[in-house]
Amino acid sequence: MFSPKGRNLQRGWPGRIEGDRVIQLAAQTLQSFFTGGGTAREHGEFLLDGVDLRPPVLHPPSVRDFYAFEQHVKTARAIRGLEVPPEWYEVPAFYFSNPAAIYGHEDGVPYPEGTQELDYELEVAAIIGAEGQVAGFTVLNDWSARDLQRLEMRVGLGRAKGKVFATSLGPIVVTPDEFDGSEAEMVARVNGEERSRGNLRDLHWPWERLVEQAARNTRLCPGDVIGSGTVGTGCI
């Protein structure tokens, strides 16, 4: 999704990047583009330098975030003096995040009240298209307030205010014909300084298994976001 610079378009328009240009597509949202079979008339053309890139899905029907990198699970649990539970190896685990708090490329994220430990989490997300199939992949930052998260998790009900204030997506969705989601170098930088590096090939579960688990006993909708979970070294 994009909007021409100087135009205050909250949602933006779907577009296809070709070199230094963005081709506007005649669809209201990425969800409607996927629902229509992934085709749409070309409606205009803009220079890439002349547009602002928006979140690929501003209002996803749902956001599921998995816990699928073993190194991250081991590290996170070791900090608390815990082993990886055997159940982690039996079924892909995920939680639901907040679809009403989506931010895009270079968007400012409100600092959550009550935390002194704001953290980033470097992930990849699959975007669901028509008929529950993966329509593309993008970058996901699962922002976390670690001190709030620790407090809430002691209750045993799950994540709440430590997670729901922001998720950053985008800016580009790469379609499965160009990228199958099996391997990619993942890098996080803070103010230009590299802080994290990992590889998508270290996912314990393949994307097919994650999507299958997400769809079990329910249905996936166009625009649903499926997060990989944090890569092994993908947070502070």
Protein backbone atom coordinates (compact mmCIF):
# COMPACT_ATOMS: atom_id res chain seq x y z
CA MET A 1 0.00 0.00 0.00
CA PHE A 2 1.21 3.50 -0.78
CA SER A 3 0.14 7.12 -0.99
CA PRO A 4 1.69 9.99 -2.98
CA LYS A 5 3.81 12.28 -0.81
CA GLY A 6 1.79 15.24 0.40
CA ARG A 7 -1.51 13.33 0.22
CA ASN A 8 -2.97 12.54 3.63
CA LEU A 9 -4.30 9.09 2.78
CA GLN A 10 -4.53 7.00 5.92
CA ARG A 11 -5.01 3.69 4.13
CA GLY A 12 -3.33 4.36 0.79
CA TRP A 13 -3.66 2.41 -2.44
CA PRO A 14 -2.49 -1.05 -3.46
CA GLY A 15 0.44 -0.97 -5.85
CA ARG A 16 3.03 -3.10 -7.59
CA ILE A 17 6.67 -2.01 -7.51
CA GLU A 18 8.57 -2.23 -10.78
CA GLY A 19 12.09 -0.84 -10.52
CA ASP A 20 11.85 2.81 -9.51
CA ARG A 21 8.10 3.02 -10.15
CA VAL A 22 4.91 2.07 -8.34
CA ILE A 23 1.96 0.94 -10.45
CA GLN A 24 -1.34 1.78 -8.76
CA LEU A 25 -3.83 -1.10 -8.87
CA ALA A 26 -7.58 -0.62 -9.13
CA ALA A 27 -8.50 -2.18 -5.77
CA GLN A 28 -9.52 -0.55 -2.51
CA THR A 29 -7.29 -2.63 -0.24
CA LEU A 30 -4.83 -5.48 -0.43
CA GLN A 31 -7.54 -7.74 1.00
CA SER A 32 -9.91 -6.91 -1.86
CA PHE A 33 -7.07 -7.39 -4.34
CA PHE A 34 -6.42 -10.89 -2.98
CA THR A 35 -10.14 -11.71 -2.83
CA GLY A 36 -10.37 -10.77 -6.50
CA GLY A 37 -7.83 -13.42 -7.38
CA GLY A 38 -4.72 -11.25 -7.20
CA THR A 39 -5.43 -9.33 -10.39
CA ALA A 40 -6.57 -5.75 -10.96
CA ARG A 41 -6.44 -3.09 -13.64
CA GLU A 42 -3.49 -0.74 -13.61
CA HIS A 43 -4.78 2.65 -12.53
CA GLY A 44 -1.77 4.97 -12.46
CA GLU A 45 1.99 5.22 -12.16
CA PHE A 46 4.20 7.02 -9.63
CA LEU A 47 7.92 7.33 -8.97
CA LEU A 48 8.92 5.29 -5.93
CA ASP A 49 10.75 8.31 -4.49
CA GLY A 50 7.50 10.27 -4.68
CA VAL A 51 5.36 8.02 -2.49
CA ASP A 52 5.04 7.03 1.16
CA LEU A 53 4.78 3.30 1.82
CA ARG A 54 1.95 2.33 4.14
CA PRO A 55 1.27 -0.89 6.08
CA PRO A 56 0.38 -3.60 3.55
CA VAL A 57 -2.67 -4.45 5.68
CA LEU A 58 -3.84 -1.59 7.89
CA HIS A 59 -6.82 -3.41 9.42
CA PRO A 60 -6.19 -7.17 9.25
CA PRO A 61 -9.07 -9.39 10.36
CA SER A 62 -6.68 -11.09 12.78
CA VAL A 63 -3.01 -11.22 13.76
CA ARG A 64 -1.62 -14.56 14.92
CA ASP A 65 1.98 -14.67 16.08
CA PHE A 66 3.74 -18.01 16.37
CA TYR A 67 6.67 -19.04 18.56
CA ALA A 68 8.51 -21.04 15.92
CA PHE A 69 12.26 -20.36 16.30
CA GLU A 70 13.78 -22.87 18.72
CA GLN A 71 16.77 -20.69 19.63
CA HIS A 72 14.48 -17.85 20.71
CA VAL A 73 12.35 -20.22 22.78
CA LYS A 74 15.40 -21.72 24.49
CA THR A 75 16.88 -18.30 25.24
CA ALA A 76 13.64 -16.78 26.53
CA ARG A 77 12.95 -19.71 28.83
CA ALA A 78 16.54 -20.06 30.04
CA ILE A 79 16.38 -16.46 31.31
CA ARG A 80 13.56 -17.64 33.58
CA GLY A 81 15.38 -20.86 34.56
CA LEU A 82 13.08 -23.03 32.45
CA GLU A 83 13.55 -25.76 29.85
CA VAL A 84 11.68 -25.91 26.55
CA PRO A 85 8.48 -27.87 27.25
CA PRO A 86 8.12 -31.07 25.21
CA GLU A 87 4.75 -29.83 23.97
CA TRP A 88 6.54 -27.10 21.99
CA TYR A 89 7.90 -29.81 19.69
CA GLU A 90 4.47 -31.37 19.23
CA VAL A 91 2.33 -28.46 18.07
CA PRO A 92 3.06 -24.94 16.76
CA ALA A 93 2.02 -22.45 19.45
CA PHE A 94 0.76 -18.92 18.79
CA TYR A 95 -1.12 -16.07 20.41
CA PHE A 96 -3.51 -13.45 19.02
CA SER A 97 -2.20 -9.88 18.85
CA ASN A 98 -4.11 -6.64 18.30
CA PRO A 99 -5.25 -5.99 14.69
CA ALA A 100 -6.24 -2.43 15.64
CA ALA A 101 -2.66 -1.33 16.39
CA ILE A 102 -0.86 -1.77 13.05
CA TYR A 103 1.94 0.59 12.03
CA GLY A 104 3.88 0.87 8.80
CA HIS A 105 7.32 1.61 7.44
CA GLU A 106 8.98 4.44 9.41
CA ASP A 107 5.74 5.18 11.31
CA GLY A 108 6.22 6.45 14.83
CA VAL A 109 5.01 4.01 17.49
CA PRO A 110 3.49 5.46 20.69
CA TYR A 111 5.60 4.57 23.72
CA PRO A 112 3.37 2.43 25.97
CA GLU A 113 2.59 3.86 29.38
CA GLY A 114 4.06 1.99 32.34
CA THR A 115 7.07 0.30 30.73
CA GLN A 116 10.78 0.89 31.07
CA GLU A 117 11.76 -2.06 28.85
CA LEU A 118 10.50 -1.52 25.30
CA ASP A 119 11.88 -4.16 22.93
CA TYR A 120 11.66 -4.97 19.23
CA GLU A 121 11.15 -8.49 17.85
CA LEU A 122 12.41 -9.31 14.36
CA GLU A 123 10.02 -11.57 12.44
CA VAL A 124 8.60 -12.46 9.05
CA ALA A 125 4.85 -12.54 8.44
CA ALA A 126 2.74 -14.37 5.90
CA ILE A 127 -0.28 -12.48 4.57
CA ILE A 128 -3.28 -14.65 3.78
CA GLY A 129 -5.02 -14.24 0.43
CA ALA A 130 -7.97 -16.00 -1.17
CA GLU A 131 -9.07 -19.46 0.00
CA GLY A 132 -6.76 -19.46 3.01
CA GLN A 133 -3.60 -19.53 0.93
CA VAL A 134 -0.45 -17.48 1.55
CA ALA A 135 -0.52 -14.46 -0.76
CA GLY A 136 2.86 -13.05 0.24
CA PHE A 137 5.46 -12.39 2.89
CA THR A 138 6.54 -9.20 4.64
CA VAL A 139 8.58 -7.96 7.62
CA LEU A 140 6.96 -7.90 11.07
CA ASN A 141 8.14 -6.16 14.24
CA ASP A 142 6.30 -7.51 17.28
CA TRP A 143 6.90 -4.68 19.74
CA SER A 144 7.04 -5.82 23.38
CA ALA A 145 6.99 -4.15 26.78
CA ARG A 146 9.09 -6.72 28.63
CA ASP A 147 8.39 -5.62 32.20
CA LEU A 148 4.62 -5.54 31.62
CA GLN A 149 4.82 -8.87 29.81
CA ARG A 150 6.65 -10.56 32.70
CA LEU A 151 4.09 -9.29 35.19
CA GLU A 152 1.12 -10.47 33.13
CA MET A 153 2.61 -13.86 32.27
CA ARG A 154 2.88 -14.76 35.96
CA VAL A 155 -0.92 -14.95 36.04
CA GLY A 156 -0.85 -17.66 33.36
CA LEU A 157 -3.55 -16.24 31.11
CA GLY A 158 -1.19 -14.99 28.42
CA ARG A 159 0.11 -11.75 26.94
CA ALA A 160 -1.96 -8.58 27.17
CA LYS A 161 -0.77 -4.99 27.64
CA GLY A 162 2.82 -6.09 27.17
CA LYS A 163 2.05 -6.76 23.49
CA VAL A 164 -1.12 -5.15 22.18
CA PHE A 165 0.05 -1.55 21.74
CA ALA A 166 1.83 -1.94 18.38
CA THR A 167 2.79 -4.26 15.54
CA SER A 168 4.77 -2.90 12.60
CA LEU A 169 4.34 -4.42 9.13
CA GLY A 170 5.95 -3.95 5.74
CA PRO A 171 6.65 -2.06 3.70
CA ILE A 172 6.78 -4.62 0.86
CA VAL A 173 4.81 -7.84 0.34
CA VAL A 174 6.74 -10.36 -1.74
CA THR A 175 4.55 -12.93 -3.53
CA PRO A 176 5.23 -16.70 -3.30
CA ASP A 177 6.26 -16.92 -6.96
CA GLU A 178 9.26 -14.73 -6.07
CA PHE A 179 9.95 -15.90 -2.50
CA ASP A 180 8.78 -19.12 -0.84
CA GLY A 181 9.55 -18.11 2.74
CA SER A 182 12.07 -20.90 3.32
CA GLU A 183 15.28 -18.89 3.66
CA ALA A 184 16.20 -15.22 4.04
CA GLU A 185 18.76 -13.24 6.00
CA MET A 186 16.97 -11.30 8.74
CA VAL A 187 18.60 -8.13 10.07
CA ALA A 188 17.41 -5.56 12.63
CA ARG A 189 19.04 -2.16 13.01
CA VAL A 190 18.41 0.48 15.67
CA ASN A 191 19.31 4.01 14.54
CA GLY A 192 21.37 2.48 11.75
CA GLU A 193 23.34 0.17 14.05
CA GLU A 194 22.95 -3.58 13.49
CA ARG A 195 21.56 -5.26 16.62
CA SER A 196 20.21 -8.59 15.37
CA ARG A 197 20.89 -11.06 12.57
CA GLY A 198 19.41 -14.48 11.86
CA ASN A 199 17.99 -16.60 9.06
CA LEU A 200 14.47 -17.68 8.23
CA ARG A 201 15.71 -21.20 7.44
CA ASP A 202 15.95 -21.79 11.21
CA LEU A 203 12.16 -21.95 11.56
CA HIS A 204 11.34 -25.19 13.37
CA TRP A 205 8.01 -25.50 11.58
CA PRO A 206 7.47 -24.90 7.83
CA TRP A 207 5.01 -22.22 6.80
CA GLU A 208 2.57 -24.88 5.58
CA ARG A 209 2.37 -26.29 9.10
CA LEU A 210 1.93 -22.86 10.69
CA VAL A 211 -0.91 -21.96 8.32
CA GLU A 212 -2.50 -25.37 8.83
CA GLN A 213 -2.46 -24.87 12.60
CA ALA A 214 -3.82 -21.33 12.29
CA ALA A 215 -6.72 -22.60 10.16
CA ARG A 216 -7.54 -25.62 12.31
CA ASN A 217 -11.22 -25.61 13.40
CA THR A 218 -11.72 -22.13 11.96
CA ARG A 219 -11.15 -20.30 8.68
CA LEU A 220 -8.58 -17.82 7.53
CA CYS A 221 -9.65 -14.58 5.86
CA PRO A 222 -7.91 -12.44 3.23
CA GLY A 223 -5.60 -10.05 5.04
CA ASP A 224 -5.01 -12.26 8.08
CA VAL A 225 -1.44 -11.92 9.37
CA ILE A 226 0.57 -14.99 10.42
CA GLY A 227 3.79 -14.11 12.27
CA SER A 228 6.76 -16.46 12.43
CA GLY A 229 7.78 -15.55 15.93
CA THR A 230 11.09 -13.94 16.79
CA VAL A 231 14.26 -15.18 15.10
CA GLY A 232 16.85 -16.55 17.53
CA THR A 233 18.77 -13.31 18.09
CA GLY A 234 15.93 -11.02 17.05
CA CYS A 235 15.39 -8.98 20.20
CA ILE A 236 17.37 -7.15 22.88
